[in-house]
């Protein structure tokens, strides 16, 4: 039963967060600090997600050469301003190729 309590609490929390965004006064949203914060939070969250996926295996750090090479290929493709699907294909292709070679 505790799982359903956690699910309900999470759902209520998400709803409250969305509602807070809708009812926030315009003067709060126009504050330069709030604008900077809302611009930087998605970047920080995406960076954390990438770091966890590239460097973690369960609860431990793992420096998998194929994952890191795939991440490097994605960064290189992004620096070359490739479209997103090309970035994904480059990362997946490099990682898959290295795994095929046994790395």
C-alpha atoms as a PDB file:
ATOM      1  CA  UNK A   1       0.000   0.000   0.000  1.00  0.00           C
ATOM      2  CA  UNK A   2       2.907   2.374   0.615  1.00  0.00           C
ATOM      3  CA  UNK A   3       3.722   2.353  -3.105  1.00  0.00           C
ATOM      4  CA  UNK A   4       0.297   3.791  -3.902  1.00  0.00           C
ATOM      5  CA  UNK A   5       0.767   6.467  -1.260  1.00  0.00           C
ATOM      6  CA  UNK A   6       4.060   7.424  -2.922  1.00  0.00           C
ATOM      7  CA  UNK A   7       2.405   7.469  -6.350  1.00  0.00           C
ATOM      8  CA  UNK A   8      -0.450   9.649  -5.077  1.00  0.00           C
ATOM      9  CA  UNK A   9       1.939  12.020  -3.280  1.00  0.00           C
ATOM     10  CA  UNK A  10       4.074  12.342  -6.402  1.00  0.00           C
ATOM     11  CA  UNK A  11       1.015  13.012  -8.559  1.00  0.00           C
ATOM     12  CA  UNK A  12      -0.195  15.689  -6.147  1.00  0.00           C
ATOM     13  CA  UNK A  13       3.264  17.240  -6.034  1.00  0.00           C
ATOM     14  CA  UNK A  14       3.455  17.380  -9.837  1.00  0.00           C
ATOM     15  CA  UNK A  15      -0.003  18.914 -10.022  1.00  0.00           C
ATOM     16  CA  UNK A  16       0.900  21.510  -7.381  1.00  0.00           C
ATOM     17  CA  UNK A  17       4.102  22.394  -9.243  1.00  0.00           C
ATOM     18  CA  UNK A  18       2.213  22.889 -12.512  1.00  0.00           C
ATOM     19  CA  UNK A  19      -0.470  24.915 -10.742  1.00  0.00           C
ATOM     20  CA  UNK A  20       2.183  27.107  -9.111  1.00  0.00           C
ATOM     21  CA  UNK A  21       3.563  27.882 -12.565  1.00  0.00           C
ATOM     22  CA  UNK A  22       0.132  28.903 -13.795  1.00  0.00           C
ATOM     23  CA  UNK A  23      -0.825  31.111 -10.854  1.00  0.00           C
ATOM     24  CA  UNK A  24       2.569  32.772 -10.337  1.00  0.00           C
ATOM     25  CA  UNK A  25       2.277  36.557 -10.533  1.00  0.00           C
ATOM     26  CA  UNK A  26       3.718  38.178 -13.648  1.00  0.00           C
ATOM     27  CA  UNK A  27       6.090  40.336 -11.575  1.00  0.00           C
ATOM     28  CA  UNK A  28       7.727  37.166 -10.245  1.00  0.00           C
ATOM     29  CA  UNK A  29       8.108  35.734 -13.733  1.00  0.00           C
ATOM     30  CA  UNK A  30       9.639  39.005 -14.996  1.00  0.00           C
ATOM     31  CA  UNK A  31      12.366  38.988 -12.336  1.00  0.00           C
ATOM     32  CA  UNK A  32      15.792  38.546 -14.035  1.00  0.00           C
ATOM     33  CA  UNK A  33      16.868  35.989 -11.399  1.00  0.00           C
ATOM     34  CA  UNK A  34      13.835  33.822 -12.108  1.00  0.00           C
ATOM     35  CA  UNK A  35      14.418  34.081 -15.867  1.00  0.00           C
ATOM     36  CA  UNK A  36      18.055  33.068 -15.452  1.00  0.00           C
ATOM     37  CA  UNK A  37      17.092  30.186 -13.172  1.00  0.00           C
ATOM     38  CA  UNK A  38      14.467  28.863 -15.568  1.00  0.00           C
ATOM     39  CA  UNK A  39      16.954  29.104 -18.429  1.00  0.00           C
ATOM     40  CA  UNK A  40      19.668  27.161 -16.628  1.00  0.00           C
ATOM     41  CA  UNK A  41      17.685  24.410 -14.882  1.00  0.00           C
ATOM     42  CA  UNK A  42      16.949  22.347 -18.028  1.00  0.00           C
ATOM     43  CA  UNK A  43      20.632  22.450 -18.992  1.00  0.00           C
ATOM     44  CA  UNK A  44      21.687  21.275 -15.529  1.00  0.00           C
ATOM     45  CA  UNK A  45      19.118  18.478 -15.474  1.00  0.00           C
ATOM     46  CA  UNK A  46      20.080  17.249 -18.933  1.00  0.00           C
ATOM     47  CA  UNK A  47      23.772  17.324 -18.018  1.00  0.00           C
ATOM     48  CA  UNK A  48      23.094  15.299 -14.876  1.00  0.00           C
ATOM     49  CA  UNK A  49      21.074  12.771 -16.856  1.00  0.00           C
ATOM     50  CA  UNK A  50      23.845  12.385 -19.434  1.00  0.00           C
ATOM     51  CA  UNK A  51      26.477  11.963 -16.715  1.00  0.00           C
ATOM     52  CA  UNK A  52      24.472   9.281 -14.946  1.00  0.00           C
ATOM     53  CA  UNK A  53      23.774   7.378 -18.157  1.00  0.00           C
ATOM     54  CA  UNK A  54      27.359   7.602 -19.419  1.00  0.00           C
ATOM     55  CA  UNK A  55      29.291   6.999 -16.217  1.00  0.00           C
ATOM     56  CA  UNK A  56      27.121   4.927 -13.888  1.00  0.00           C
ATOM     57  CA  UNK A  57      26.141   1.298 -13.695  1.00  0.00           C
ATOM     58  CA  UNK A  58      23.648   0.851 -10.916  1.00  0.00           C
ATOM     59  CA  UNK A  59      25.121   2.494  -7.838  1.00  0.00           C
ATOM     60  CA  UNK A  60      28.751   2.506  -8.947  1.00  0.00           C
ATOM     61  CA  UNK A  61      30.862   4.460 -11.408  1.00  0.00           C
ATOM     62  CA  UNK A  62      31.878   2.577 -14.505  1.00  0.00           C
ATOM     63  CA  UNK A  63      34.180   3.974 -17.168  1.00  0.00           C
ATOM     64  CA  UNK A  64      32.881   2.028 -20.149  1.00  0.00           C
ATOM     65  CA  UNK A  65      35.024   2.928 -23.200  1.00  0.00           C
ATOM     66  CA  UNK A  66      32.151   2.360 -25.639  1.00  0.00           C
ATOM     67  CA  UNK A  67      29.801   4.673 -23.752  1.00  0.00           C
ATOM     68  CA  UNK A  68      32.428   7.375 -23.389  1.00  0.00           C
ATOM     69  CA  UNK A  69      33.387   7.132 -27.064  1.00  0.00           C
ATOM     70  CA  UNK A  70      29.703   7.394 -28.013  1.00  0.00           C
ATOM     71  CA  UNK A  71      29.390  10.462 -25.811  1.00  0.00           C
ATOM     72  CA  UNK A  72      32.478  11.918 -27.461  1.00  0.00           C
ATOM     73  CA  UNK A  73      31.024  11.277 -30.904  1.00  0.00           C
ATOM     74  CA  UNK A  74      27.800  13.004 -29.862  1.00  0.00           C
ATOM     75  CA  UNK A  75      29.733  16.019 -28.580  1.00  0.00           C
ATOM     76  CA  UNK A  76      31.724  16.191 -31.823  1.00  0.00           C
ATOM     77  CA  UNK A  77      28.541  16.020 -33.893  1.00  0.00           C
ATOM     78  CA  UNK A  78      26.964  18.747 -31.763  1.00  0.00           C
ATOM     79  CA  UNK A  79      30.013  20.965 -32.225  1.00  0.00           C
ATOM     80  CA  UNK A  80      29.644  20.471 -35.974  1.00  0.00           C
ATOM     81  CA  UNK A  81      25.986  21.557 -35.578  1.00  0.00           C
ATOM     82  CA  UNK A  82      24.608  18.281 -36.882  1.00  0.00           C
ATOM     83  CA  UNK A  83      20.860  17.625 -36.629  1.00  0.00           C
ATOM     84  CA  UNK A  84      19.722  15.807 -33.505  1.00  0.00           C
ATOM     85  CA  UNK A  85      19.036  12.508 -35.271  1.00  0.00           C
ATOM     86  CA  UNK A  86      22.548  12.578 -36.749  1.00  0.00           C
ATOM     87  CA  UNK A  87      23.960  13.170 -33.258  1.00  0.00           C
ATOM     88  CA  UNK A  88      22.048  10.152 -31.948  1.00  0.00           C
ATOM     89  CA  UNK A  89      23.083   7.986 -34.881  1.00  0.00           C
ATOM     90  CA  UNK A  90      26.746   8.964 -34.490  1.00  0.00           C
ATOM     91  CA  UNK A  91      26.752   8.182 -30.775  1.00  0.00           C
ATOM     92  CA  UNK A  92      24.945   4.889 -31.226  1.00  0.00           C
ATOM     93  CA  UNK A  93      27.074   3.879 -34.202  1.00  0.00           C
ATOM     94  CA  UNK A  94      30.364   4.550 -32.426  1.00  0.00           C
ATOM     95  CA  UNK A  95      29.252   2.763 -29.250  1.00  0.00           C
ATOM     96  CA  UNK A  96      27.878  -0.194 -31.219  1.00  0.00           C
ATOM     97  CA  UNK A  97      31.009  -0.410 -33.368  1.00  0.00           C
ATOM     98  CA  UNK A  98      33.266  -0.489 -30.333  1.00  0.00           C
ATOM     99  CA  UNK A  99      31.113  -3.129 -28.664  1.00  0.00           C
ATOM    100  CA  UNK A 100      31.260  -5.172 -31.859  1.00  0.00           C
ATOM    101  CA  UNK A 101      35.054  -4.964 -31.692  1.00  0.00           C
ATOM    102  CA  UNK A 102      34.939  -6.208 -28.112  1.00  0.00           C
ATOM    103  CA  UNK A 103      35.663  -2.985 -26.245  1.00  0.00           C
END
